[in-house]
Amino acid sequence: MDQGQGAQSRSLFTPKTERIEEDEALTLLVHLRGFAEKHIECRIIAPSHYIRVCSDPALKNWHFDTLFEDIPEKFNLYEAKTKFVDGILTIRVPKVIPGQASNGASEAPTRQESSTSKLRA
């Protein structure tokens, strides 16, 4: 009986995060040195006002899952942009512009979920 082969375990990695709130935008940084952009999923769930950054399930050795839950409603998650440069995922969420908050509200999707490969700054 060979117990050491067959099942590979994945190690949990907790990335360093930073949150910078400025007058015009909220910037979230997730330090993921050693990871490739294709291994990162960034899900922006606009109506619930949270962002989840996690590893692609296909990544075999390392796993991470970071959740930004308390994003104030004064920031427009529908307009969030991401970029991944030098191992740092940057998520920039602009502030809601007065007068635009109600525009298109009935047409807005009930859930926005995007990966970094789809959203670009």
PDB file of N, CA and C in Angstrom:
ATOM      1  N   MET A   1       0.842  -1.190   0.000  1.00  0.00           N
ATOM      2  CA  MET A   1       0.000   0.000   0.000  1.00  0.00           C
ATOM      3  C   MET A   1       0.882   1.247   0.000  1.00  0.00           C
ATOM      4  N   ASP A   2       0.677   2.114  -0.954  1.00  0.00           N
ATOM      5  CA  ASP A   2       1.489   3.309  -1.099  1.00  0.00           C
ATOM      6  C   ASP A   2       0.654   4.527  -0.708  1.00  0.00           C
ATOM      7  N   GLN A   3       0.890   5.043   0.506  1.00  0.00           N
ATOM      8  CA  GLN A   3       0.075   6.146   1.010  1.00  0.00           C
ATOM      9  C   GLN A   3       0.619   7.517   0.613  1.00  0.00           C
ATOM     10  N   GLY A   4       1.889   7.599   0.232  1.00  0.00           N
ATOM     11  CA  GLY A   4       2.497   8.897  -0.037  1.00  0.00           C
ATOM     12  C   GLY A   4       2.208   9.435  -1.417  1.00  0.00           C
ATOM     13  N   GLN A   5       1.705   8.627  -2.318  1.00  0.00           N
ATOM     14  CA  GLN A   5       1.474   9.107  -3.671  1.00  0.00           C
ATOM     15  C   GLN A   5      -0.021   9.196  -3.959  1.00  0.00           C
ATOM     16  N   GLY A   6      -0.350   9.890  -5.001  1.00  0.00           N
ATOM     17  CA  GLY A   6      -1.753   9.994  -5.407  1.00  0.00           C
ATOM     18  C   GLY A   6      -2.355  11.326  -5.031  1.00  0.00           C
ATOM     19  N   ALA A   7      -2.419  11.624  -3.762  1.00  0.00           N
ATOM     20  CA  ALA A   7      -3.039  12.874  -3.317  1.00  0.00           C
ATOM     21  C   ALA A   7      -1.955  13.891  -2.992  1.00  0.00           C
ATOM     22  N   GLN A   8      -2.012  15.060  -3.627  1.00  0.00           N
ATOM     23  CA  GLN A   8      -1.089  16.132  -3.332  1.00  0.00           C
ATOM     24  C   GLN A   8      -1.792  17.138  -2.440  1.00  0.00           C
ATOM     25  N   SER A   9      -1.092  17.630  -1.430  1.00  0.00           N
ATOM     26  CA  SER A   9      -1.695  18.637  -0.570  1.00  0.00           C
ATOM     27  C   SER A   9      -1.316  20.018  -1.087  1.00  0.00           C
ATOM     28  N   ARG A  10      -2.198  20.959  -0.875  1.00  0.00           N
ATOM     29  CA  ARG A  10      -1.954  22.335  -1.261  1.00  0.00           C
ATOM     30  C   ARG A  10      -1.675  23.143  -0.005  1.00  0.00           C
ATOM     31  N   SER A  11      -0.685  23.997  -0.084  1.00  0.00           N
ATOM     32  CA  SER A  11      -0.326  24.833   1.053  1.00  0.00           C
ATOM     33  C   SER A  11      -1.105  26.136   0.996  1.00  0.00           C
ATOM     34  N   LEU A  12      -1.599  26.572   2.150  1.00  0.00           N
ATOM     35  CA  LEU A  12      -2.342  27.825   2.234  1.00  0.00           C
ATOM     36  C   LEU A  12      -1.351  28.973   2.379  1.00  0.00           C
ATOM     37  N   PHE A  13      -1.524  29.979   1.572  1.00  0.00           N
ATOM     38  CA  PHE A  13      -0.669  31.158   1.554  1.00  0.00           C
ATOM     39  C   PHE A  13      -1.534  32.357   1.909  1.00  0.00           C
ATOM     40  N   THR A  14      -1.089  33.176   2.846  1.00  0.00           N
ATOM     41  CA  THR A  14      -1.831  34.384   3.213  1.00  0.00           C
ATOM     42  C   THR A  14      -1.048  35.589   2.698  1.00  0.00           C
ATOM     43  N   PRO A  15      -1.517  36.203   1.603  1.00  0.00           N
ATOM     44  CA  PRO A  15      -0.769  37.339   1.042  1.00  0.00           C
ATOM     45  C   PRO A  15      -0.908  38.589   1.899  1.00  0.00           C
ATOM     46  N   LYS A  16       0.130  39.418   1.845  1.00  0.00           N
ATOM     47  CA  LYS A  16       0.079  40.724   2.491  1.00  0.00           C
ATOM     48  C   LYS A  16      -0.893  41.590   1.692  1.00  0.00           C
ATOM     49  N   THR A  17      -1.737  42.346   2.384  1.00  0.00           N
ATOM     50  CA  THR A  17      -2.671  43.247   1.713  1.00  0.00           C
ATOM     51  C   THR A  17      -2.511  44.656   2.261  1.00  0.00           C
ATOM     52  N   GLU A  18      -2.857  45.622   1.438  1.00  0.00           N
ATOM     53  CA  GLU A  18      -2.853  47.020   1.849  1.00  0.00           C
ATOM     54  C   GLU A  18      -4.143  47.662   1.349  1.00  0.00           C
ATOM     55  N   ARG A  19      -4.622  48.617   2.116  1.00  0.00           N
ATOM     56  CA  ARG A  19      -5.852  49.332   1.775  1.00  0.00           C
ATOM     57  C   ARG A  19      -5.553  50.825   1.902  1.00  0.00           C
ATOM     58  N   ILE A  20      -5.724  51.550   0.786  1.00  0.00           N
ATOM     59  CA  ILE A  20      -5.440  52.982   0.772  1.00  0.00           C
ATOM     60  C   ILE A  20      -6.715  53.698   0.331  1.00  0.00           C
ATOM     61  N   GLU A  21      -7.312  54.423   1.268  1.00  0.00           N
ATOM     62  CA  GLU A  21      -8.545  55.154   0.960  1.00  0.00           C
ATOM     63  C   GLU A  21      -8.202  56.624   0.783  1.00  0.00           C
ATOM     64  N   GLU A  22      -8.484  57.123  -0.420  1.00  0.00           N
ATOM     65  CA  GLU A  22      -8.217  58.514  -0.741  1.00  0.00           C
ATOM     66  C   GLU A  22      -9.531  59.189  -1.125  1.00  0.00           C
ATOM     67  N   ASP A  23      -9.479  60.492  -1.366  1.00  0.00           N
ATOM     68  CA  ASP A  23     -10.693  61.231  -1.709  1.00  0.00           C
ATOM     69  C   ASP A  23     -11.360  60.713  -2.976  1.00  0.00           C
ATOM     70  N   GLU A  24     -10.572  60.358  -3.995  1.00  0.00           N
ATOM     71  CA  GLU A  24     -11.153  59.977  -5.283  1.00  0.00           C
ATOM     72  C   GLU A  24     -11.318  58.482  -5.489  1.00  0.00           C
ATOM     73  N   ALA A  25     -10.640  57.650  -4.682  1.00  0.00           N
ATOM     74  CA  ALA A  25     -10.722  56.205  -4.911  1.00  0.00           C
ATOM     75  C   ALA A  25     -10.220  55.409  -3.712  1.00  0.00           C
ATOM     76  N   LEU A  26     -10.587  54.144  -3.730  1.00  0.00           N
ATOM     77  CA  LEU A  26     -10.076  53.160  -2.776  1.00  0.00           C
ATOM     78  C   LEU A  26      -9.130  52.263  -3.564  1.00  0.00           C
ATOM     79  N   THR A  27      -7.920  52.091  -3.061  1.00  0.00           N
ATOM     80  CA  THR A  27      -6.945  51.227  -3.722  1.00  0.00           C
ATOM     81  C   THR A  27      -6.623  50.071  -2.790  1.00  0.00           C
ATOM     82  N   LEU A  28      -6.758  48.867  -3.320  1.00  0.00           N
ATOM     83  CA  LEU A  28      -6.441  47.648  -2.573  1.00  0.00           C
ATOM     84  C   LEU A  28      -5.247  46.994  -3.249  1.00  0.00           C
ATOM     85  N   LEU A  29      -4.248  46.623  -2.460  1.00  0.00           N
ATOM     86  CA  LEU A  29      -3.060  45.959  -2.988  1.00  0.00           C
ATOM     87  C   LEU A  29      -2.969  44.568  -2.377  1.00  0.00           C
ATOM     88  N   VAL A  30      -2.692  43.581  -3.217  1.00  0.00           N
ATOM     89  CA  VAL A  30      -2.498  42.212  -2.761  1.00  0.00           C
ATOM     90  C   VAL A  30      -1.141  41.771  -3.288  1.00  0.00           C
ATOM     91  N   HIS A  31      -0.219  41.484  -2.377  1.00  0.00           N
ATOM     92  CA  HIS A  31       1.147  41.115  -2.740  1.00  0.00           C
ATOM     93  C   HIS A  31       1.196  39.620  -3.047  1.00  0.00           C
ATOM     94  N   LEU A  32       1.441  39.307  -4.319  1.00  0.00           N
ATOM     95  CA  LEU A  32       1.416  37.917  -4.781  1.00  0.00           C
ATOM     96  C   LEU A  32       2.677  37.576  -5.577  1.00  0.00           C
ATOM     97  N   ARG A  33       3.823  37.955  -5.040  1.00  0.00           N
ATOM     98  CA  ARG A  33       5.089  37.678  -5.700  1.00  0.00           C
ATOM     99  C   ARG A  33       5.251  36.169  -5.877  1.00  0.00           C
ATOM    100  N   GLY A  34       5.641  35.775  -7.068  1.00  0.00           N
ATOM    101  CA  GLY A  34       5.812  34.361  -7.367  1.00  0.00           C
ATOM    102  C   GLY A  34       4.611  33.745  -8.070  1.00  0.00           C
ATOM    103  N   PHE A  35       3.499  34.466  -8.099  1.00  0.00           N
ATOM    104  CA  PHE A  35       2.303  33.989  -8.787  1.00  0.00           C
ATOM    105  C   PHE A  35       2.224  34.653 -10.164  1.00  0.00           C
ATOM    106  N   ALA A  36       1.620  33.980 -11.099  1.00  0.00           N
ATOM    107  CA  ALA A  36       1.375  34.544 -12.427  1.00  0.00           C
ATOM    108  C   ALA A  36      -0.063  35.053 -12.478  1.00  0.00           C
ATOM    109  N   GLU A  37      -0.304  36.041 -13.319  1.00  0.00           N
ATOM    110  CA  GLU A  37      -1.646  36.614 -13.437  1.00  0.00           C
ATOM    111  C   GLU A  37      -2.686  35.543 -13.761  1.00  0.00           C
ATOM    112  N   LYS A  38      -2.307  34.568 -14.564  1.00  0.00           N
ATOM    113  CA  LYS A  38      -3.258  33.527 -14.947  1.00  0.00           C
ATOM    114  C   LYS A  38      -3.685  32.647 -13.773  1.00  0.00           C
ATOM    115  N   HIS A  39      -2.964  32.721 -12.651  1.00  0.00           N
ATOM    116  CA  HIS A  39      -3.295  31.923 -11.468  1.00  0.00           C
ATOM    117  C   HIS A  39      -4.115  32.689 -10.440  1.00  0.00           C
ATOM    118  N   ILE A  40      -4.531  33.905 -10.796  1.00  0.00           N
ATOM    119  CA  ILE A  40      -5.229  34.772  -9.846  1.00  0.00           C
ATOM    120  C   ILE A  40      -6.645  35.033 -10.336  1.00  0.00           C
ATOM    121  N   GLU A  41      -7.610  34.867  -9.448  1.00  0.00           N
ATOM    122  CA  GLU A  41      -8.996  35.222  -9.740  1.00  0.00           C
ATOM    123  C   GLU A  41      -9.377  36.394  -8.843  1.00  0.00           C
ATOM    124  N   CYS A  42      -9.950  37.411  -9.450  1.00  0.00           N
ATOM    125  CA  CYS A  42     -10.435  38.567  -8.697  1.00  0.00           C
ATOM    126  C   CYS A  42     -11.914  38.691  -8.995  1.00  0.00           C
ATOM    127  N   ARG A  43     -12.726  38.453  -7.992  1.00  0.00           N
ATOM    128  CA  ARG A  43     -14.180  38.517  -8.158  1.00  0.00           C
ATOM    129  C   ARG A  43     -14.695  39.763  -7.447  1.00  0.00           C
ATOM    130  N   ILE A  44     -15.294  40.634  -8.230  1.00  0.00           N
ATOM    131  CA  ILE A  44     -15.849  41.878  -7.692  1.00  0.00           C
ATOM    132  C   ILE A  44     -17.359  41.698  -7.646  1.00  0.00           C
ATOM    133  N   ILE A  45     -17.894  41.617  -6.443  1.00  0.00           N
ATOM    134  CA  ILE A  45     -19.324  41.387  -6.249  1.00  0.00           C
ATOM    135  C   ILE A  45     -19.932  42.731  -5.843  1.00  0.00           C
ATOM    136  N   ALA A  46     -20.356  43.493  -6.854  1.00  0.00           N
ATOM    137  CA  ALA A  46     -20.758  44.883  -6.654  1.00  0.00           C
ATOM    138  C   ALA A  46     -21.958  45.066  -5.734  1.00  0.00           C
ATOM    139  N   PRO A  47     -23.081  44.380  -5.943  1.00  0.00           N
ATOM    140  CA  PRO A  47     -24.234  44.666  -5.085  1.00  0.00           C
ATOM    141  C   PRO A  47     -23.978  44.358  -3.606  1.00  0.00           C
ATOM    142  N   SER A  48     -23.137  43.382  -3.337  1.00  0.00           N
ATOM    143  CA  SER A  48     -22.852  43.014  -1.949  1.00  0.00           C
ATOM    144  C   SER A  48     -21.660  43.771  -1.378  1.00  0.00           C
ATOM    145  N   HIS A  49     -21.007  44.547  -2.198  1.00  0.00           N
ATOM    146  CA  HIS A  49     -19.862  45.384  -1.818  1.00  0.00           C
ATOM    147  C   HIS A  49     -18.719  44.595  -1.186  1.00  0.00           C
ATOM    148  N   TYR A  50     -18.287  43.560  -1.905  1.00  0.00           N
ATOM    149  CA  TYR A  50     -17.065  42.889  -1.480  1.00  0.00           C
ATOM    150  C   TYR A  50     -16.268  42.425  -2.682  1.00  0.00           C
ATOM    151  N   ILE A  51     -14.989  42.187  -2.429  1.00  0.00           N
ATOM    152  CA  ILE A  51     -14.073  41.712  -3.462  1.00  0.00           C
ATOM    153  C   ILE A  51     -13.345  40.500  -2.905  1.00  0.00           C
ATOM    154  N   ARG A  52     -13.292  39.435  -3.694  1.00  0.00           N
ATOM    155  CA  ARG A  52     -12.568  38.221  -3.305  1.00  0.00           C
ATOM    156  C   ARG A  52     -11.418  38.020  -4.290  1.00  0.00           C
ATOM    157  N   VAL A  53     -10.224  37.835  -3.746  1.00  0.00           N
ATOM    158  CA  VAL A  53      -9.045  37.527  -4.544  1.00  0.00           C
ATOM    159  C   VAL A  53      -8.583  36.147  -4.092  1.00  0.00           C
ATOM    160  N   CYS A  54      -8.518  35.219  -5.049  1.00  0.00           N
ATOM    161  CA  CYS A  54      -8.131  33.857  -4.677  1.00  0.00           C
ATOM    162  C   CYS A  54      -7.309  33.228  -5.794  1.00  0.00           C
ATOM    163  N   SER A  55      -6.700  32.104  -5.471  1.00  0.00           N
ATOM    164  CA  SER A  55      -5.911  31.392  -6.472  1.00  0.00           C
ATOM    165  C   SER A  55      -6.829  30.599  -7.371  1.00  0.00           C
ATOM    166  N   ASP A  56      -6.398  30.424  -8.595  1.00  0.00           N
ATOM    167  CA  ASP A  56      -7.118  29.604  -9.561  1.00  0.00           C
ATOM    168  C   ASP A  56      -7.153  28.176  -9.026  1.00  0.00           C
ATOM    169  N   PRO A  57      -8.300  27.513  -9.075  1.00  0.00           N
ATOM    170  CA  PRO A  57      -8.396  26.138  -8.565  1.00  0.00           C
ATOM    171  C   PRO A  57      -7.430  25.169  -9.250  1.00  0.00           C
ATOM    172  N   ALA A  58      -6.975  25.498 -10.453  1.00  0.00           N
ATOM    173  CA  ALA A  58      -6.046  24.625 -11.166  1.00  0.00           C
ATOM    174  C   ALA A  58      -4.627  24.697 -10.606  1.00  0.00           C
ATOM    175  N   LEU A  59      -4.348  25.702  -9.784  1.00  0.00           N
ATOM    176  CA  LEU A  59      -3.022  25.840  -9.188  1.00  0.00           C
ATOM    177  C   LEU A  59      -2.833  24.739  -8.164  1.00  0.00           C
ATOM    178  N   LYS A  60      -1.856  23.896  -8.365  1.00  0.00           N
ATOM    179  CA  LYS A  60      -1.749  22.665  -7.572  1.00  0.00           C
ATOM    180  C   LYS A  60      -1.043  22.813  -6.226  1.00  0.00           C
ATOM    181  N   ASN A  61      -0.028  23.646  -6.129  1.00  0.00           N
ATOM    182  CA  ASN A  61       0.786  23.654  -4.911  1.00  0.00           C
ATOM    183  C   ASN A  61       0.372  24.678  -3.862  1.00  0.00           C
ATOM    184  N   TRP A  62      -0.071  25.833  -4.284  1.00  0.00           N
ATOM    185  CA  TRP A  62      -0.388  26.908  -3.346  1.00  0.00           C
ATOM    186  C   TRP A  62      -1.834  27.354  -3.512  1.00  0.00           C
ATOM    187  N   HIS A  63      -2.421  27.779  -2.409  1.00  0.00           N
ATOM    188  CA  HIS A  63      -3.795  28.263  -2.415  1.00  0.00           C
ATOM    189  C   HIS A  63      -3.860  29.510  -1.545  1.00  0.00           C
ATOM    190  N   PHE A  64      -4.595  30.516  -2.001  1.00  0.00           N
ATOM    191  CA  PHE A  64      -4.853  31.693  -1.174  1.00  0.00           C
ATOM    192  C   PHE A  64      -6.269  32.172  -1.436  1.00  0.00           C
ATOM    193  N   ASP A  65      -6.827  32.846  -0.453  1.00  0.00           N
ATOM    194  CA  ASP A  65      -8.185  33.368  -0.550  1.00  0.00           C
ATOM    195  C   ASP A  65      -8.275  34.586   0.362  1.00  0.00           C
ATOM    196  N   THR A  66      -8.391  35.749  -0.238  1.00  0.00           N
ATOM    197  CA  THR A  66      -8.439  37.001   0.508  1.00  0.00           C
ATOM    198  C   THR A  66      -9.762  37.686   0.209  1.00  0.00           C
ATOM    199  N   LEU A  67     -10.424  38.168   1.238  1.00  0.00           N
ATOM    200  CA  LEU A  67     -11.731  38.786   1.086  1.00  0.00           C
ATOM    201  C   LEU A  67     -11.705  40.207   1.642  1.00  0.00           C
ATOM    202  N   PHE A  68     -12.144  41.160   0.827  1.00  0.00           N
ATOM    203  CA  PHE A  68     -12.317  42.543   1.260  1.00  0.00           C
ATOM    204  C   PHE A  68     -13.820  42.754   1.381  1.00  0.00           C
ATOM    205  N   GLU A  69     -14.341  42.707   2.608  1.00  0.00           N
ATOM    206  CA  GLU A  69     -15.792  42.723   2.822  1.00  0.00           C
ATOM    207  C   GLU A  69     -16.389  44.093   3.091  1.00  0.00           C
ATOM    208  N   ASP A  70     -15.671  44.948   3.730  1.00  0.00           N
ATOM    209  CA  ASP A  70     -16.255  46.187   4.245  1.00  0.00           C
ATOM    210  C   ASP A  70     -15.966  47.397   3.350  1.00  0.00           C
ATOM    211  N   ILE A  71     -16.268  47.274   2.084  1.00  0.00           N
ATOM    212  CA  ILE A  71     -16.045  48.377   1.157  1.00  0.00           C
ATOM    213  C   ILE A  71     -17.247  49.320   1.238  1.00  0.00           C
ATOM    214  N   PRO A  72     -17.016  50.574   1.621  1.00  0.00           N
ATOM    215  CA  PRO A  72     -18.132  51.515   1.765  1.00  0.00           C
ATOM    216  C   PRO A  72     -18.876  51.727   0.445  1.00  0.00           C
ATOM    217  N   GLU A  73     -20.148  52.007   0.549  1.00  0.00           N
ATOM    218  CA  GLU A  73     -20.991  52.211  -0.632  1.00  0.00           C
ATOM    219  C   GLU A  73     -20.645  53.477  -1.398  1.00  0.00           C
ATOM    220  N   LYS A  74     -19.820  54.324  -0.817  1.00  0.00           N
ATOM    221  CA  LYS A  74     -19.411  55.535  -1.543  1.00  0.00           C
ATOM    222  C   LYS A  74     -18.429  55.214  -2.670  1.00  0.00           C
ATOM    223  N   PHE A  75     -17.992  53.946  -2.759  1.00  0.00           N
ATOM    224  CA  PHE A  75     -17.103  53.523  -3.840  1.00  0.00           C
ATOM    225  C   PHE A  75     -17.877  52.680  -4.843  1.00  0.00           C
ATOM    226  N   ASN A  76     -17.609  52.910  -6.133  1.00  0.00           N
ATOM    227  CA  ASN A  76     -18.356  52.297  -7.224  1.00  0.00           C
ATOM    228  C   ASN A  76     -17.666  51.015  -7.708  1.00  0.00           C
ATOM    229  N   LEU A  77     -18.087  49.878  -7.190  1.00  0.00           N
ATOM    230  CA  LEU A  77     -17.480  48.609  -7.574  1.00  0.00           C
ATOM    231  C   LEU A  77     -17.734  48.249  -9.036  1.00  0.00           C
ATOM    232  N   TYR A  78     -18.782  48.798  -9.643  1.00  0.00           N
ATOM    233  CA  TYR A  78     -19.056  48.539 -11.059  1.00  0.00           C
ATOM    234  C   TYR A  78     -17.957  49.122 -11.955  1.00  0.00           C
ATOM    235  N   GLU A  79     -17.233  50.106 -11.453  1.00  0.00           N
ATOM    236  CA  GLU A  79     -16.170  50.758 -12.225  1.00  0.00           C
ATOM    237  C   GLU A  79     -14.774  50.357 -11.761  1.00  0.00           C
ATOM    238  N   ALA A  80     -14.658  49.329 -10.942  1.00  0.00           N
ATOM    239  CA  ALA A  80     -13.357  48.887 -10.428  1.00  0.00           C
ATOM    240  C   ALA A  80     -12.458  48.415 -11.564  1.00  0.00           C
ATOM    241  N   LYS A  81     -11.175  48.666 -11.432  1.00  0.00           N
ATOM    242  CA  LYS A  81     -10.165  48.243 -12.408  1.00  0.00           C
ATOM    243  C   LYS A  81      -9.056  47.498 -11.668  1.00  0.00           C
ATOM    244  N   THR A  82      -8.488  46.509 -12.327  1.00  0.00           N
ATOM    245  CA  THR A  82      -7.386  45.764 -11.735  1.00  0.00           C
ATOM    246  C   THR A  82      -6.188  45.778 -12.667  1.00  0.00           C
ATOM    247  N   LYS A  83      -5.019  45.625 -12.069  1.00  0.00           N
ATOM    248  CA  LYS A  83      -3.809  45.400 -12.853  1.00  0.00           C
ATOM    249  C   LYS A  83      -2.855  44.575 -11.988  1.00  0.00           C
ATOM    250  N   PHE A  84      -2.032  43.808 -12.664  1.00  0.00           N
ATOM    251  CA  PHE A  84      -1.080  42.936 -11.985  1.00  0.00           C
ATOM    252  C   PHE A  84       0.305  43.218 -12.542  1.00  0.00           C
ATOM    253  N   VAL A  85       1.158  43.834 -11.718  1.00  0.00           N
ATOM    254  CA  VAL A  85       2.499  44.224 -12.139  1.00  0.00           C
ATOM    255  C   VAL A  85       3.487  43.868 -11.036  1.00  0.00           C
ATOM    256  N   ASP A  86       4.583  43.200 -11.419  1.00  0.00           N
ATOM    257  CA  ASP A  86       5.667  42.862 -10.489  1.00  0.00           C
ATOM    258  C   ASP A  86       5.171  42.166  -9.227  1.00  0.00           C
ATOM    259  N   GLY A  87       4.227  41.255  -9.372  1.00  0.00           N
ATOM    260  CA  GLY A  87       3.755  40.468  -8.240  1.00  0.00           C
ATOM    261  C   GLY A  87       2.761  41.167  -7.336  1.00  0.00           C
ATOM    262  N   ILE A  88       2.272  42.327  -7.745  1.00  0.00           N
ATOM    263  CA  ILE A  88       1.296  43.054  -6.923  1.00  0.00           C
ATOM    264  C   ILE A  88       0.018  43.262  -7.729  1.00  0.00           C
ATOM    265  N   LEU A  89      -1.078  42.751  -7.194  1.00  0.00           N
ATOM    266  CA  LEU A  89      -2.391  42.983  -7.781  1.00  0.00           C
ATOM    267  C   LEU A  89      -2.931  44.281  -7.186  1.00  0.00           C
ATOM    268  N   THR A  90      -3.246  45.232  -8.045  1.00  0.00           N
ATOM    269  CA  THR A  90      -3.811  46.512  -7.624  1.00  0.00           C
ATOM    270  C   THR A  90      -5.258  46.566  -8.086  1.00  0.00           C
ATOM    271  N   ILE A  91      -6.148  46.840  -7.147  1.00  0.00           N
ATOM    272  CA  ILE A  91      -7.570  46.995  -7.454  1.00  0.00           C
ATOM    273  C   ILE A  91      -7.925  48.433  -7.098  1.00  0.00           C
ATOM    274  N   ARG A  92      -8.355  49.197  -8.099  1.00  0.00           N
ATOM    275  CA  ARG A  92      -8.709  50.602  -7.869  1.00  0.00           C
ATOM    276  C   ARG A  92     -10.210  50.748  -8.044  1.00  0.00           C
ATOM    277  N   VAL A  93     -10.856  51.209  -6.979  1.00  0.00           N
ATOM    278  CA  VAL A  93     -12.311  51.372  -6.973  1.00  0.00           C
ATOM    279  C   VAL A  93     -12.601  52.867  -6.834  1.00  0.00           C
ATOM    280  N   PRO A  94     -13.106  53.504  -7.899  1.00  0.00           N
ATOM    281  CA  PRO A  94     -13.354  54.949  -7.823  1.00  0.00           C
ATOM    282  C   PRO A  94     -14.546  55.278  -6.929  1.00  0.00           C
ATOM    283  N   LYS A  95     -14.530  56.492  -6.461  1.00  0.00           N
ATOM    284  CA  LYS A  95     -15.638  56.981  -5.649  1.00  0.00           C
ATOM    285  C   LYS A  95     -16.856  57.203  -6.535  1.00  0.00           C
ATOM    286  N   VAL A  96     -18.031  57.000  -5.997  1.00  0.00           N
ATOM    287  CA  VAL A  96     -19.270  57.253  -6.727  1.00  0.00           C
ATOM    288  C   VAL A  96     -19.335  58.742  -7.037  1.00  0.00           C
ATOM    289  N   ILE A  97     -19.632  59.047  -8.299  1.00  0.00           N
ATOM    290  CA  ILE A  97     -19.776  60.443  -8.709  1.00  0.00           C
ATOM    291  C   ILE A  97     -21.233  60.835  -8.504  1.00  0.00           C
ATOM    292  N   PRO A  98     -21.496  61.913  -7.757  1.00  0.00           N
ATOM    293  CA  PRO A  98     -22.877  62.319  -7.533  1.00  0.00           C
ATOM    294  C   PRO A  98     -23.623  62.469  -8.852  1.00  0.00           C
ATOM    295  N   GLY A  99     -24.844  61.957  -8.892  1.00  0.00           N
ATOM    296  CA  GLY A  99     -25.657  62.020 -10.093  1.00  0.00           C
ATOM    297  C   GLY A  99     -25.558  60.753 -10.927  1.00  0.00           C
ATOM    298  N   GLN A 100     -24.488  59.990 -10.772  1.00  0.00           N
ATOM    299  CA  GLN A 100     -24.338  58.746 -11.511  1.00  0.00           C
ATOM    300  C   GLN A 100     -24.780  57.540 -10.696  1.00  0.00           C
ATOM    301  N   ALA A 101     -24.941  57.719  -9.407  1.00  0.00           N
ATOM    302  CA  ALA A 101     -25.301  56.595  -8.543  1.00  0.00           C
ATOM    303  C   ALA A 101     -26.637  55.984  -8.944  1.00  0.00           C
ATOM    304  N   SER A 102     -27.589  56.811  -9.360  1.00  0.00           N
ATOM    305  CA  SER A 102     -28.894  56.274  -9.714  1.00  0.00           C
ATOM    306  C   SER A 102     -29.030  55.963 -11.200  1.00  0.00           C
ATOM    307  N   ASN A 103     -28.111  56.488 -12.030  1.00  0.00           N
ATOM    308  CA  ASN A 103     -28.178  56.236 -13.466  1.00  0.00           C
ATOM    309  C   ASN A 103     -27.965  54.769 -13.774  1.00  0.00           C
ATOM    310  N   GLY A 104     -28.882  54.159 -14.466  1.00  0.00           N
ATOM    311  CA  GLY A 104     -28.741  52.776 -14.887  1.00  0.00           C
ATOM    312  C   GLY A 104     -28.899  51.764 -13.776  1.00  0.00           C
ATOM    313  N   ALA A 105     -29.367  52.196 -12.623  1.00  0.00           N
ATOM    314  CA  ALA A 105     -29.477  51.269 -11.495  1.00  0.00           C
ATOM    315  C   ALA A 105     -30.393  50.099 -11.821  1.00  0.00           C
ATOM    316  N   SER A 106     -31.450  50.350 -12.578  1.00  0.00           N
ATOM    317  CA  SER A 106     -32.357  49.257 -12.905  1.00  0.00           C
ATOM    318  C   SER A 106     -31.757  48.310 -13.938  1.00  0.00           C
ATOM    319  N   GLU A 107     -30.769  48.808 -14.709  1.00  0.00           N
ATOM    320  CA  GLU A 107     -30.145  47.983 -15.723  1.00  0.00           C
ATOM    321  C   GLU A 107     -28.881  47.301 -15.219  1.00  0.00           C
ATOM    322  N   ALA A 108     -28.412  47.677 -14.055  1.00  0.00           N
ATOM    323  CA  ALA A 108     -27.166  47.130 -13.531  1.00  0.00           C
ATOM    324  C   ALA A 108     -27.324  45.643 -13.238  1.00  0.00           C
ATOM    325  N   PRO A 109     -26.282  44.871 -13.478  1.00  0.00           N
ATOM    326  CA  PRO A 109     -26.378  43.438 -13.186  1.00  0.00           C
ATOM    327  C   PRO A 109     -26.545  43.210 -11.696  1.00  0.00           C
ATOM    328  N   THR A 110     -27.160  42.107 -11.332  1.00  0.00           N
ATOM    329  CA  THR A 110     -27.339  41.817  -9.916  1.00  0.00           C
ATOM    330  C   THR A 110     -26.039  41.360  -9.293  1.00  0.00           C
ATOM    331  N   ARG A 111     -25.108  40.917 -10.111  1.00  0.00           N
ATOM    332  CA  ARG A 111     -23.834  40.454  -9.589  1.00  0.00           C
ATOM    333  C   ARG A 111     -22.773  40.661 -10.657  1.00  0.00           C
ATOM    334  N   GLN A 112     -21.660  41.252 -10.272  1.00  0.00           N
ATOM    335  CA  GLN A 112     -20.551  41.416 -11.199  1.00  0.00           C
ATOM    336  C   GLN A 112     -19.403  40.572 -10.688  1.00  0.00           C
ATOM    337  N   GLU A 113     -18.923  39.685 -11.519  1.00  0.00           N
ATOM    338  CA  GLU A 113     -17.829  38.814 -11.130  1.00  0.00           C
ATOM    339  C   GLU A 113     -16.817  38.838 -12.259  1.00  0.00           C
ATOM    340  N   SER A 114     -15.588  39.246 -11.945  1.00  0.00           N
ATOM    341  CA  SER A 114     -14.588  39.402 -12.988  1.00  0.00           C
ATOM    342  C   SER A 114     -13.263  38.828 -12.537  1.00  0.00           C
ATOM    343  N   SER A 115     -12.450  38.411 -13.480  1.00  0.00           N
ATOM    344  CA  SER A 115     -11.098  37.970 -13.165  1.00  0.00           C
ATOM    345  C   SER A 115     -10.128  39.036 -13.631  1.00  0.00           C
ATOM    346  N   THR A 116      -8.908  39.008 -13.128  1.00  0.00           N
ATOM    347  CA  THR A 116      -7.926  40.025 -13.487  1.00  0.00           C
ATOM    348  C   THR A 116      -7.637  40.017 -14.969  1.00  0.00           C
ATOM    349  N   SER A 117      -7.785  38.900 -15.624  1.00  0.00           N
ATOM    350  CA  SER A 117      -7.508  38.861 -17.055  1.00  0.00           C
ATOM    351  C   SER A 117      -8.582  39.601 -17.854  1.00  0.00           C
ATOM    352  N   LYS A 118      -9.719  39.839 -17.279  1.00  0.00           N
ATOM    353  CA  LYS A 118     -10.800  40.546 -17.976  1.00  0.00           C
ATOM    354  C   LYS A 118     -10.825  42.030 -17.633  1.00  0.00           C
ATOM    355  N   LEU A 119     -10.400  42.393 -16.453  1.00  0.00           N
ATOM    356  CA  LEU A 119     -10.416  43.794 -16.047  1.00  0.00           C
ATOM    357  C   LEU A 119      -9.018  44.373 -16.164  1.00  0.00           C
ATOM    358  N   ARG A 120      -8.897  45.485 -16.811  1.00  0.00           N
ATOM    359  CA  ARG A 120      -7.602  46.150 -16.972  1.00  0.00           C
ATOM    360  C   ARG A 120      -7.762  47.623 -16.659  1.00  0.00           C
ATOM    361  N   ALA A 121      -6.718  48.186 -16.078  1.00  0.00           N
ATOM    362  CA  ALA A 121      -6.741  49.612 -15.743  1.00  0.00           C
ATOM    363  C   ALA A 121      -6.518  50.445 -16.982  1.00  0.00           C
TER     364      ALA A 121
END
